[in-house]
Amino acid sequence: MARSTIANLESGEGNPSLAVLMKVARALEVPIDELLAAPRGKVRKWSVQEVGSHARGRGIAERPLVPEPVRDEMLIVMDFAPGAVLGGTPHLPGTH
């Protein structure tokens, strides 16, 4: 695909054919409807009440980064006050 075609698509100036859209979707490994869908919101802000927080250890507040679970991830923010203490057990060798 010509660079000018890609530049026109990126700038919003182009009027691509279905064949061009199919090539772009294949190259990006996304379904073609992903290219044609309305843009999604890029940022969302949650209130403190939506996220929640709890104490852990001495002087540590722990809260999820986002209120919804994220598959296969642990997204936790830990706020340590000066002099905070948190005990733990080291992982065994070979643990990931």
C-alpha atoms as a PDB file:
ATOM      1  CA  MET A   1       0.000   0.000   0.000  1.00  0.00           C
ATOM      2  CA  ALA A   2       1.337   3.411  -0.935  1.00  0.00           C
ATOM      3  CA  ARG A   3       2.546   5.744   1.818  1.00  0.00           C
ATOM      4  CA  SER A   4       0.306   8.489   0.454  1.00  0.00           C
ATOM      5  CA  THR A   5      -2.739   6.239   0.956  1.00  0.00           C
ATOM      6  CA  ILE A   6      -1.769   5.585   4.571  1.00  0.00           C
ATOM      7  CA  ALA A   7      -1.088   9.299   5.148  1.00  0.00           C
ATOM      8  CA  ASN A   8      -4.514  10.189   3.721  1.00  0.00           C
ATOM      9  CA  LEU A   9      -6.192   7.639   5.986  1.00  0.00           C
ATOM     10  CA  GLU A  10      -4.357   8.872   9.083  1.00  0.00           C
ATOM     11  CA  SER A  11      -5.199  12.501   8.375  1.00  0.00           C
ATOM     12  CA  GLY A  12      -8.860  11.744   7.687  1.00  0.00           C
ATOM     13  CA  GLU A  13      -8.547  13.084   4.134  1.00  0.00           C
ATOM     14  CA  GLY A  14      -8.894   9.728   2.391  1.00  0.00           C
ATOM     15  CA  ASN A  15     -12.008   7.994   1.125  1.00  0.00           C
ATOM     16  CA  PRO A  16     -10.780   4.389   1.186  1.00  0.00           C
ATOM     17  CA  SER A  17     -12.315   1.578  -0.774  1.00  0.00           C
ATOM     18  CA  LEU A  18     -13.457  -1.607   0.928  1.00  0.00           C
ATOM     19  CA  ALA A  19     -10.368  -3.366  -0.441  1.00  0.00           C
ATOM     20  CA  VAL A  20      -8.080  -0.781   1.197  1.00  0.00           C
ATOM     21  CA  LEU A  21      -9.941  -1.069   4.509  1.00  0.00           C
ATOM     22  CA  MET A  22      -9.606  -4.859   4.383  1.00  0.00           C
ATOM     23  CA  LYS A  23      -5.839  -4.564   3.806  1.00  0.00           C
ATOM     24  CA  VAL A  24      -5.485  -2.135   6.719  1.00  0.00           C
ATOM     25  CA  ALA A  25      -7.580  -4.356   9.022  1.00  0.00           C
ATOM     26  CA  ARG A  26      -5.502  -7.396   8.057  1.00  0.00           C
ATOM     27  CA  ALA A  27      -2.236  -5.524   8.646  1.00  0.00           C
ATOM     28  CA  LEU A  28      -3.421  -4.312  12.073  1.00  0.00           C
ATOM     29  CA  GLU A  29      -4.894  -7.742  12.890  1.00  0.00           C
ATOM     30  CA  VAL A  30      -8.290  -6.273  13.814  1.00  0.00           C
ATOM     31  CA  PRO A  31     -11.761  -6.942  12.432  1.00  0.00           C
ATOM     32  CA  ILE A  32     -12.857  -4.436   9.801  1.00  0.00           C
ATOM     33  CA  ASP A  33     -15.732  -3.267  12.013  1.00  0.00           C
ATOM     34  CA  GLU A  34     -13.112  -2.042  14.506  1.00  0.00           C
ATOM     35  CA  LEU A  35     -11.924   0.415  11.849  1.00  0.00           C
ATOM     36  CA  LEU A  36     -15.459   1.553  11.087  1.00  0.00           C
ATOM     37  CA  ALA A  37     -16.721   1.827  14.689  1.00  0.00           C
ATOM     38  CA  ALA A  38     -17.118   5.156  16.453  1.00  0.00           C
ATOM     39  CA  PRO A  39     -14.061   6.133  18.498  1.00  0.00           C
ATOM     40  CA  ARG A  40     -14.066   4.909  22.086  1.00  0.00           C
ATOM     41  CA  GLY A  41     -13.469   7.142  25.049  1.00  0.00           C
ATOM     42  CA  LYS A  42      -9.765   7.201  25.824  1.00  0.00           C
ATOM     43  CA  VAL A  43      -9.929   8.307  29.433  1.00  0.00           C
ATOM     44  CA  ARG A  44     -12.229   7.553  32.302  1.00  0.00           C
ATOM     45  CA  LYS A  45     -12.023   9.031  35.759  1.00  0.00           C
ATOM     46  CA  TRP A  46     -13.402   7.167  38.769  1.00  0.00           C
ATOM     47  CA  SER A  47     -14.399   8.770  42.035  1.00  0.00           C
ATOM     48  CA  VAL A  48     -12.904   7.642  45.353  1.00  0.00           C
ATOM     49  CA  GLN A  49     -16.263   6.077  46.243  1.00  0.00           C
ATOM     50  CA  GLU A  50     -16.225   3.938  43.088  1.00  0.00           C
ATOM     51  CA  VAL A  51     -12.709   2.631  43.714  1.00  0.00           C
ATOM     52  CA  GLY A  52     -12.618   2.280  47.501  1.00  0.00           C
ATOM     53  CA  SER A  53      -9.589   1.782  49.740  1.00  0.00           C
ATOM     54  CA  HIS A  54      -8.555  -0.313  52.744  1.00  0.00           C
ATOM     55  CA  ALA A  55      -5.732  -0.308  55.275  1.00  0.00           C
ATOM     56  CA  ARG A  56      -2.934  -2.836  55.054  1.00  0.00           C
ATOM     57  CA  GLY A  57       0.006  -3.173  57.403  1.00  0.00           C
ATOM     58  CA  ARG A  58       0.803  -0.062  59.417  1.00  0.00           C
ATOM     59  CA  GLY A  59       0.389   3.215  57.572  1.00  0.00           C
ATOM     60  CA  ILE A  60      -0.488   1.737  54.187  1.00  0.00           C
ATOM     61  CA  ALA A  61      -3.629   2.416  52.175  1.00  0.00           C
ATOM     62  CA  GLU A  62      -4.282   0.010  49.325  1.00  0.00           C
ATOM     63  CA  ARG A  63      -6.745   0.549  46.490  1.00  0.00           C
ATOM     64  CA  PRO A  64      -7.373  -0.892  43.040  1.00  0.00           C
ATOM     65  CA  LEU A  65      -6.186   1.277  40.162  1.00  0.00           C
ATOM     66  CA  VAL A  66      -9.545   0.792  38.435  1.00  0.00           C
ATOM     67  CA  PRO A  67     -12.797  -0.545  39.927  1.00  0.00           C
ATOM     68  CA  GLU A  68     -13.331  -3.228  37.276  1.00  0.00           C
ATOM     69  CA  PRO A  69     -11.198  -6.373  37.312  1.00  0.00           C
ATOM     70  CA  VAL A  70      -8.605  -6.668  34.536  1.00  0.00           C
ATOM     71  CA  ARG A  71      -8.069 -10.225  33.352  1.00  0.00           C
ATOM     72  CA  ASP A  72      -4.737 -11.763  34.393  1.00  0.00           C
ATOM     73  CA  GLU A  73      -3.558  -8.533  36.033  1.00  0.00           C
ATOM     74  CA  MET A  74      -3.309  -7.067  39.519  1.00  0.00           C
ATOM     75  CA  LEU A  75      -3.583  -3.295  39.329  1.00  0.00           C
ATOM     76  CA  ILE A  76      -3.173  -2.066  42.898  1.00  0.00           C
ATOM     77  CA  VAL A  77      -1.920   1.270  44.199  1.00  0.00           C
ATOM     78  CA  MET A  78      -0.275   1.286  47.622  1.00  0.00           C
ATOM     79  CA  ASP A  79       0.128   4.623  49.399  1.00  0.00           C
ATOM     80  CA  PHE A  80       2.832   4.473  52.099  1.00  0.00           C
ATOM     81  CA  ALA A  81       2.779   7.027  54.899  1.00  0.00           C
ATOM     82  CA  PRO A  82       6.172   8.040  56.378  1.00  0.00           C
ATOM     83  CA  GLY A  83       7.405   5.171  58.577  1.00  0.00           C
ATOM     84  CA  ALA A  84       4.891   2.679  57.161  1.00  0.00           C
ATOM     85  CA  VAL A  85       5.572  -1.018  57.711  1.00  0.00           C
ATOM     86  CA  LEU A  86       4.427  -3.983  55.639  1.00  0.00           C
ATOM     87  CA  GLY A  87       5.659  -7.488  56.366  1.00  0.00           C
ATOM     88  CA  GLY A  88       5.770 -10.158  53.710  1.00  0.00           C
ATOM     89  CA  THR A  89       7.015 -13.587  52.777  1.00  0.00           C
ATOM     90  CA  PRO A  90       9.547 -13.878  49.935  1.00  0.00           C
ATOM     91  CA  HIS A  91       8.617 -15.938  46.905  1.00  0.00           C
ATOM     92  CA  LEU A  92      10.148 -19.351  46.496  1.00  0.00           C
ATOM     93  CA  PRO A  93      12.873 -19.679  43.850  1.00  0.00           C
ATOM     94  CA  GLY A  94      11.359 -20.146  40.385  1.00  0.00           C
ATOM     95  CA  THR A  95       8.088 -18.408  41.278  1.00  0.00           C
ATOM     96  CA  HIS A  96       6.800 -15.926  38.711  1.00  0.00           C
END
